[in-house]
């Protein structure tokens, strides 16, 4: 299952978190 885990330890998780936060804020604005 470690192979299926997203590369948060490699720093890619920060980009995913930023994109997710932007998507959530944009979704709230649209709503």
PDB file of N, CA and C in Angstrom:
ATOM      1  N   UNK A   1       0.837  -1.211   0.000  1.00  0.00           N
ATOM      2  CA  UNK A   1       0.000   0.000   0.000  1.00  0.00           C
ATOM      3  C   UNK A   1       0.866   1.253   0.000  1.00  0.00           C
ATOM      4  N   UNK A   2       2.127   1.105   0.370  1.00  0.00           N
ATOM      5  CA  UNK A   2       3.007   2.280   0.389  1.00  0.00           C
ATOM      6  C   UNK A   2       3.247   2.779  -1.031  1.00  0.00           C
ATOM      7  N   UNK A   3       3.147   1.897  -2.020  1.00  0.00           N
ATOM      8  CA  UNK A   3       3.357   2.324  -3.399  1.00  0.00           C
ATOM      9  C   UNK A   3       2.185   3.186  -3.887  1.00  0.00           C
ATOM     10  N   UNK A   4       1.002   2.935  -3.346  1.00  0.00           N
ATOM     11  CA  UNK A   4      -0.195   3.659  -3.779  1.00  0.00           C
ATOM     12  C   UNK A   4      -0.346   4.983  -3.041  1.00  0.00           C
ATOM     13  N   UNK A   5       0.535   5.217  -2.035  1.00  0.00           N
ATOM     14  CA  UNK A   5       0.419   6.441  -1.244  1.00  0.00           C
ATOM     15  C   UNK A   5       0.981   7.614  -2.043  1.00  0.00           C
ATOM     16  N   UNK A   6       0.347   8.790  -2.035  1.00  0.00           N
ATOM     17  CA  UNK A   6       0.848   9.950  -2.768  1.00  0.00           C
ATOM     18  C   UNK A   6       2.176  10.423  -2.187  1.00  0.00           C
ATOM     19  N   UNK A   7       3.048  11.018  -2.993  1.00  0.00           N
ATOM     20  CA  UNK A   7       4.395  11.414  -2.552  1.00  0.00           C
ATOM     21  C   UNK A   7       4.377  12.664  -1.675  1.00  0.00           C
ATOM     22  N   UNK A   8       3.760  12.560  -0.499  1.00  0.00           N
ATOM     23  CA  UNK A   8       3.742  13.716   0.398  1.00  0.00           C
ATOM     24  C   UNK A   8       5.134  13.969   0.967  1.00  0.00           C
ATOM     25  N   UNK A   9       5.907  12.913   1.164  1.00  0.00           N
ATOM     26  CA  UNK A   9       7.232  13.064   1.755  1.00  0.00           C
ATOM     27  C   UNK A   9       8.197  13.733   0.777  1.00  0.00           C
ATOM     28  N   UNK A  10       7.890  13.676  -0.510  1.00  0.00           N
ATOM     29  CA  UNK A  10       8.791  14.238  -1.508  1.00  0.00           C
ATOM     30  C   UNK A  10       8.505  15.708  -1.775  1.00  0.00           C
ATOM     31  N   UNK A  11       7.542  16.302  -1.072  1.00  0.00           N
ATOM     32  CA  UNK A  11       7.251  17.714  -1.264  1.00  0.00           C
ATOM     33  C   UNK A  11       6.116  17.933  -2.254  1.00  0.00           C
ATOM     34  N   UNK A  12       5.704  16.906  -3.005  1.00  0.00           N
ATOM     35  CA  UNK A  12       4.608  17.074  -3.952  1.00  0.00           C
ATOM     36  C   UNK A  12       3.284  17.291  -3.236  1.00  0.00           C
ATOM     37  N   UNK A  13       3.215  16.861  -1.982  1.00  0.00           N
ATOM     38  CA  UNK A  13       1.973  17.025  -1.227  1.00  0.00           C
ATOM     39  C   UNK A  13       1.644  18.497  -1.004  1.00  0.00           C
ATOM     40  N   UNK A  14       2.680  19.341  -0.897  1.00  0.00           N
ATOM     41  CA  UNK A  14       2.419  20.763  -0.682  1.00  0.00           C
ATOM     42  C   UNK A  14       1.681  21.335  -1.883  1.00  0.00           C
ATOM     43  N   UNK A  15       2.102  20.955  -3.092  1.00  0.00           N
ATOM     44  CA  UNK A  15       1.446  21.462  -4.301  1.00  0.00           C
ATOM     45  C   UNK A  15      -0.001  20.975  -4.335  1.00  0.00           C
ATOM     46  N   UNK A  16      -0.204  19.704  -3.996  1.00  0.00           N
ATOM     47  CA  UNK A  16      -1.566  19.151  -3.995  1.00  0.00           C
ATOM     48  C   UNK A  16      -2.418  19.868  -2.961  1.00  0.00           C
ATOM     49  N   UNK A  17      -1.830  20.167  -1.803  1.00  0.00           N
ATOM     50  CA  UNK A  17      -2.586  20.848  -0.748  1.00  0.00           C
ATOM     51  C   UNK A  17      -2.949  22.259  -1.194  1.00  0.00           C
ATOM     52  N   UNK A  18      -2.011  22.938  -1.859  1.00  0.00           N
ATOM     53  CA  UNK A  18      -2.289  24.305  -2.324  1.00  0.00           C
ATOM     54  C   UNK A  18      -3.398  24.277  -3.368  1.00  0.00           C
ATOM     55  N   UNK A  19      -3.300  23.352  -4.319  1.00  0.00           N
ATOM     56  CA  UNK A  19      -4.333  23.252  -5.364  1.00  0.00           C
ATOM     57  C   UNK A  19      -5.677  22.915  -4.718  1.00  0.00           C
ATOM     58  N   UNK A  20      -5.659  22.025  -3.739  1.00  0.00           N
ATOM     59  CA  UNK A  20      -6.902  21.660  -3.060  1.00  0.00           C
ATOM     60  C   UNK A  20      -7.497  22.852  -2.327  1.00  0.00           C
ATOM     61  N   UNK A  21      -6.652  23.631  -1.654  1.00  0.00           N
ATOM     62  CA  UNK A  21      -7.154  24.802  -0.926  1.00  0.00           C
ATOM     63  C   UNK A  21      -7.737  25.815  -1.900  1.00  0.00           C
ATOM     64  N   UNK A  22      -7.069  26.014  -3.029  1.00  0.00           N
ATOM     65  CA  UNK A  22      -7.584  26.964  -4.032  1.00  0.00           C
ATOM     66  C   UNK A  22      -8.916  26.455  -4.568  1.00  0.00           C
ATOM     67  N   UNK A  23      -8.993  25.151  -4.841  1.00  0.00           N
ATOM     68  CA  UNK A  23     -10.229  24.593  -5.376  1.00  0.00           C
ATOM     69  C   UNK A  23     -11.367  24.761  -4.364  1.00  0.00           C
ATOM     70  N   UNK A  24     -11.077  24.561  -3.087  1.00  0.00           N
ATOM     71  CA  UNK A  24     -12.114  24.703  -2.059  1.00  0.00           C
ATOM     72  C   UNK A  24     -12.554  26.162  -1.972  1.00  0.00           C
ATOM     73  N   UNK A  25     -11.592  27.097  -1.980  1.00  0.00           N
ATOM     74  CA  UNK A  25     -11.954  28.516  -1.882  1.00  0.00           C
ATOM     75  C   UNK A  25     -12.737  28.940  -3.115  1.00  0.00           C
ATOM     76  N   UNK A  26     -12.336  28.476  -4.288  1.00  0.00           N
ATOM     77  CA  UNK A  26     -13.061  28.826  -5.514  1.00  0.00           C
ATOM     78  C   UNK A  26     -14.461  28.229  -5.464  1.00  0.00           C
ATOM     79  N   UNK A  27     -14.574  26.997  -4.986  1.00  0.00           N
ATOM     80  CA  UNK A  27     -15.883  26.361  -4.900  1.00  0.00           C
ATOM     81  C   UNK A  27     -16.795  27.125  -3.946  1.00  0.00           C
ATOM     82  N   UNK A  28     -16.250  27.624  -2.843  1.00  0.00           N
ATOM     83  CA  UNK A  28     -17.068  28.379  -1.903  1.00  0.00           C
ATOM     84  C   UNK A  28     -17.510  29.701  -2.540  1.00  0.00           C
ATOM     85  N   UNK A  29     -16.621  30.306  -3.322  1.00  0.00           N
ATOM     86  CA  UNK A  29     -16.979  31.569  -3.966  1.00  0.00           C
ATOM     87  C   UNK A  29     -18.089  31.337  -4.989  1.00  0.00           C
ATOM     88  N   UNK A  30     -17.993  30.223  -5.728  1.00  0.00           N
ATOM     89  CA  UNK A  30     -19.019  29.926  -6.729  1.00  0.00           C
ATOM     90  C   UNK A  30     -20.339  29.635  -6.037  1.00  0.00           C
ATOM     91  N   UNK A  31     -20.242  28.919  -4.916  1.00  0.00           N
ATOM     92  CA  UNK A  31     -21.471  28.642  -4.169  1.00  0.00           C
ATOM     93  C   UNK A  31     -21.954  29.953  -3.545  1.00  0.00           C
TER      94      UNK A  31
END
